[in-house]
Amino acid sequence: MSNIKVMIVDDHDMVRVGLRTYISMEPGLEVVGEAGNGQEAFDKLNGELSQQLPDVILMDLTMPVLDGIGATKLICGKFPEIRVIMLTSFLEETKVLEAVESGAISYMLKTVSSDQLIHAIQSAYRGMPVMNSEVSLALTRGVRQRNAKPEEEGLTSREKEVLLLIAEGKSNKDISEELFISIKTVKTHVSNLLMKCELDDRTQLAIFAHRKGWV
């Protein structure tokens, strides 16, 4: 299996040195490029790194010339196969939401341990987001603030209850036990939710509930 190729984008030299050291010590990972701002990163992907694109980019949030959110939009728009992890010192609700909407697969604080960072890189390579509880809460608050007055989409109170439990990752069996209803009734509510929300599966229902700020 080939190494996971990583690019580091941060305007602080010492941060890049530290990250490069951590990553270089981990078998299966290699640093293939660095940049001091988002524009430089985008230019390198179109230039010297075009024949060896990184699998994962560690992206700082606040940088001169082009910040992390702007760079992530450009990179994910042109190179959708590249996974971007936003790595920053800031935990602002609006920034977390903007980062995710720009295409970042994960949002992590620079206080994470080296093991946590390596895990996040490996997970991003597999297409799996990683966010700790603080970041998840910030994302939820950001969505809720944006959707301060969510439309109810014509849902009944019971359907809303089922939807919220789906968003929490509950199975049909879990929902039936928690609401004291049969699994058949749960399935009926799920079908009604999919129809009313015009969605295809449970995952989309969960995302829908989060975007509406109901969770």
Protein backbone atom coordinates (compact mmCIF):
# COMPACT_ATOMS: atom_id res chain seq x y z
CA MET A 1 0.00 0.00 0.00
CA SER A 2 1.37 3.43 -0.93
CA ASN A 3 1.93 6.14 1.65
CA ILE A 4 -0.74 8.72 2.41
CA LYS A 5 0.57 11.95 0.90
CA VAL A 6 0.12 15.04 3.08
CA MET A 7 0.48 18.76 2.39
CA ILE A 8 0.90 21.31 5.18
CA VAL A 9 -0.47 24.83 4.72
CA ASP A 10 0.32 27.28 7.53
CA ASP A 11 1.85 30.77 7.64
CA HIS A 12 4.04 29.94 10.66
CA ASP A 13 7.33 28.23 9.85
CA MET A 14 7.63 26.55 13.24
CA VAL A 15 4.14 25.07 12.98
CA ARG A 16 5.03 23.54 9.62
CA VAL A 17 8.29 22.17 11.04
CA GLY A 18 6.48 20.59 13.98
CA LEU A 19 3.77 19.05 11.83
CA ARG A 20 6.31 17.75 9.32
CA THR A 21 8.26 16.13 12.16
CA TYR A 22 5.17 14.40 13.59
CA ILE A 23 4.05 13.14 10.20
CA SER A 24 7.49 11.98 9.07
CA MET A 25 7.79 9.76 12.14
CA GLU A 26 4.59 7.90 11.29
CA PRO A 27 4.90 4.86 8.99
CA GLY A 28 2.58 5.12 5.99
CA LEU A 29 2.54 8.92 5.86
CA GLU A 30 4.74 11.34 3.94
CA VAL A 31 4.81 15.11 3.47
CA VAL A 32 4.84 15.96 -0.23
CA GLY A 33 4.46 19.73 -0.03
CA GLU A 34 4.14 22.85 2.11
CA ALA A 35 2.79 26.36 1.65
CA GLY A 36 2.64 29.55 3.70
CA ASN A 37 -0.85 30.64 2.59
CA GLY A 38 -3.87 29.41 0.70
CA GLN A 39 -2.97 30.99 -2.62
CA GLU A 40 0.51 29.48 -2.56
CA ALA A 41 -1.02 26.09 -1.81
CA PHE A 42 -3.46 26.35 -4.73
CA ASP A 43 -0.69 27.48 -7.08
CA LYS A 44 1.54 24.55 -6.07
CA LEU A 45 -1.27 22.06 -6.65
CA ASN A 46 -1.61 23.43 -10.15
CA GLY A 47 2.16 23.51 -10.63
CA GLU A 48 4.95 21.57 -8.96
CA LEU A 49 2.60 19.16 -7.16
CA SER A 50 0.28 18.53 -10.10
CA GLN A 51 1.93 15.14 -10.79
CA GLN A 52 1.91 14.13 -7.13
CA LEU A 53 -1.20 15.61 -5.57
CA PRO A 54 -1.56 15.18 -1.81
CA ASP A 55 -4.27 12.92 -0.46
CA VAL A 56 -4.80 15.11 2.61
CA ILE A 57 -4.10 18.79 3.31
CA LEU A 58 -3.66 20.21 6.81
CA MET A 59 -5.02 23.73 6.36
CA ASP A 60 -4.58 26.65 8.75
CA LEU A 61 -7.61 28.91 9.10
CA THR A 62 -6.11 32.40 9.38
CA MET A 63 -3.42 33.23 6.82
CA PRO A 64 -2.44 36.23 4.68
CA VAL A 65 -3.24 36.52 0.95
CA LEU A 66 -5.84 33.73 1.02
CA ASP A 67 -7.21 32.22 4.22
CA GLY A 68 -8.04 28.58 4.88
CA ILE A 69 -11.73 28.82 4.05
CA GLY A 70 -11.12 30.56 0.73
CA ALA A 71 -8.35 28.12 -0.16
CA THR A 72 -10.49 25.11 0.77
CA LYS A 73 -13.27 26.30 -1.54
CA LEU A 74 -10.82 26.62 -4.42
CA ILE A 75 -9.06 23.34 -3.77
CA CYS A 76 -12.16 21.22 -3.17
CA GLY A 77 -13.78 22.79 -6.20
CA LYS A 78 -10.94 21.82 -8.55
CA PHE A 79 -9.51 18.78 -6.74
CA PRO A 80 -12.47 17.00 -5.11
CA GLU A 81 -10.32 13.94 -4.46
CA ILE A 82 -8.18 15.88 -1.96
CA ARG A 83 -9.38 15.83 1.67
CA VAL A 84 -8.86 19.02 3.66
CA ILE A 85 -8.52 19.06 7.44
CA MET A 86 -8.90 22.53 8.95
CA LEU A 87 -6.28 22.77 11.70
CA THR A 88 -6.60 25.95 13.75
CA SER A 89 -6.52 27.61 17.15
CA PHE A 90 -10.00 29.11 16.73
CA LEU A 91 -13.26 27.53 17.86
CA GLU A 92 -15.83 30.03 16.59
CA GLU A 93 -19.22 28.65 15.60
CA THR A 94 -19.35 30.60 12.34
CA LYS A 95 -15.82 29.56 11.35
CA VAL A 96 -16.50 25.87 11.99
CA LEU A 97 -19.66 26.06 9.89
CA GLU A 98 -17.93 27.98 7.09
CA ALA A 99 -15.06 25.50 7.06
CA VAL A 100 -17.38 22.51 6.70
CA GLU A 101 -19.45 24.25 4.05
CA SER A 102 -16.29 25.15 2.11
CA GLY A 103 -15.49 21.45 1.82
CA ALA A 104 -13.28 20.59 4.81
CA ILE A 105 -13.82 17.01 5.93
CA SER A 106 -12.66 17.68 9.50
CA TYR A 107 -12.04 20.64 11.81
CA MET A 108 -9.42 20.23 14.51
CA LEU A 109 -7.77 22.41 17.10
CA LYS A 110 -3.99 22.72 17.23
CA THR A 111 -4.11 21.48 20.81
CA VAL A 112 -4.77 17.91 19.62
CA SER A 113 -2.16 15.27 20.33
CA SER A 114 0.05 13.87 17.59
CA ASP A 115 -1.83 10.55 17.82
CA GLN A 116 -5.17 12.32 17.34
CA LEU A 117 -3.82 14.22 14.35
CA ILE A 118 -2.46 11.05 12.72
CA HIS A 119 -5.82 9.37 13.29
CA ALA A 120 -7.58 12.32 11.66
CA ILE A 121 -5.29 12.15 8.61
CA GLN A 122 -5.83 8.41 8.21
CA SER A 123 -9.58 8.85 8.62
CA ALA A 124 -9.72 11.72 6.13
CA TYR A 125 -7.88 9.54 3.61
CA ARG A 126 -10.70 7.00 3.98
CA GLY A 127 -13.30 9.74 3.62
CA MET A 128 -14.30 9.73 7.29
CA PRO A 129 -14.66 13.04 9.18
CA VAL A 130 -13.21 13.43 12.67
CA MET A 131 -14.36 16.12 15.09
CA ASN A 132 -14.16 16.13 18.86
CA SER A 133 -17.13 17.00 21.04
CA GLU A 134 -16.16 20.68 21.33
CA VAL A 135 -16.04 21.13 17.56
CA SER A 136 -19.26 19.16 17.04
CA LEU A 137 -21.06 21.38 19.53
CA ALA A 138 -19.67 24.51 17.86
CA LEU A 139 -20.89 23.22 14.49
CA THR A 140 -24.35 22.52 15.90
CA ARG A 141 -24.52 26.00 17.44
CA GLY A 142 -23.41 27.54 14.16
CA VAL A 143 -26.14 25.76 12.25
CA ARG A 144 -28.72 26.67 14.87
CA GLN A 145 -27.76 30.33 14.74
CA ARG A 146 -28.05 30.36 10.96
CA ASN A 147 -31.47 28.72 11.14
CA ALA A 148 -32.90 30.58 14.10
CA LYS A 149 -36.46 30.09 12.81
CA PRO A 150 -36.52 26.71 11.11
CA GLU A 151 -39.54 25.76 9.07
CA GLU A 152 -41.23 22.66 10.37
CA GLU A 153 -41.70 21.15 6.88
CA GLY A 154 -45.21 20.02 7.84
CA LEU A 155 -43.92 17.38 10.26
CA THR A 156 -46.02 16.04 13.11
CA SER A 157 -44.62 16.13 16.63
CA ARG A 158 -44.05 12.36 16.53
CA GLU A 159 -42.26 12.58 13.18
CA LYS A 160 -40.07 15.32 14.60
CA GLU A 161 -39.20 13.08 17.55
CA VAL A 162 -38.28 10.23 15.22
CA LEU A 163 -36.20 12.58 13.06
CA LEU A 164 -34.20 13.84 16.05
CA LEU A 165 -33.49 10.29 17.18
CA ILE A 166 -32.34 9.37 13.68
CA ALA A 167 -29.99 12.36 13.81
CA GLU A 168 -28.57 10.93 17.05
CA GLY A 169 -27.73 7.72 15.21
CA LYS A 170 -30.51 5.59 16.72
CA SER A 171 -31.68 2.45 14.91
CA ASN A 172 -35.34 1.62 14.29
CA LYS A 173 -35.20 -0.78 17.25
CA ASP A 174 -33.71 1.91 19.51
CA ILE A 175 -36.39 4.39 18.45
CA SER A 176 -39.20 1.91 19.02
CA GLU A 177 -37.97 1.20 22.54
CA GLU A 178 -37.44 4.85 23.40
CA LEU A 179 -40.84 6.02 22.10
CA PHE A 180 -42.72 2.84 23.08
CA ILE A 181 -43.99 2.22 19.57
CA SER A 182 -43.64 -0.78 17.25
CA ILE A 183 -40.81 -1.09 14.75
CA LYS A 184 -43.44 -1.14 12.00
CA THR A 185 -44.72 2.24 13.20
CA VAL A 186 -41.17 3.59 13.26
CA LYS A 187 -40.67 2.46 9.66
CA THR A 188 -43.88 4.23 8.70
CA HIS A 189 -42.67 7.47 10.30
CA VAL A 190 -39.30 7.15 8.55
CA SER A 191 -41.04 6.67 5.19
CA ASN A 192 -43.21 9.72 5.84
CA LEU A 193 -40.14 11.77 6.79
CA LEU A 194 -38.32 10.79 3.60
CA MET A 195 -41.36 11.74 1.54
CA LYS A 196 -42.06 15.06 3.28
CA CYS A 197 -38.41 16.13 3.32
CA GLU A 198 -37.86 14.85 -0.23
CA LEU A 199 -34.80 12.84 0.79
CA ASP A 200 -33.51 9.36 -0.06
CA ASP A 201 -32.12 7.80 3.11
CA ARG A 202 -31.56 8.08 6.87
CA THR A 203 -28.16 9.71 6.50
CA GLN A 204 -29.71 12.57 4.54
CA LEU A 205 -32.41 12.89 7.21
CA ALA A 206 -29.74 13.21 9.91
CA ILE A 207 -27.88 15.86 7.93
CA PHE A 208 -31.18 17.65 7.28
CA ALA A 209 -31.94 17.83 11.01
CA HIS A 210 -28.47 19.20 11.79
CA ARG A 211 -28.69 21.82 9.05
CA LYS A 212 -32.04 22.95 10.38
CA GLY A 213 -30.50 23.36 13.82
CA TRP A 214 -33.00 20.99 15.42
CA VAL A 215 -30.39 18.75 17.04
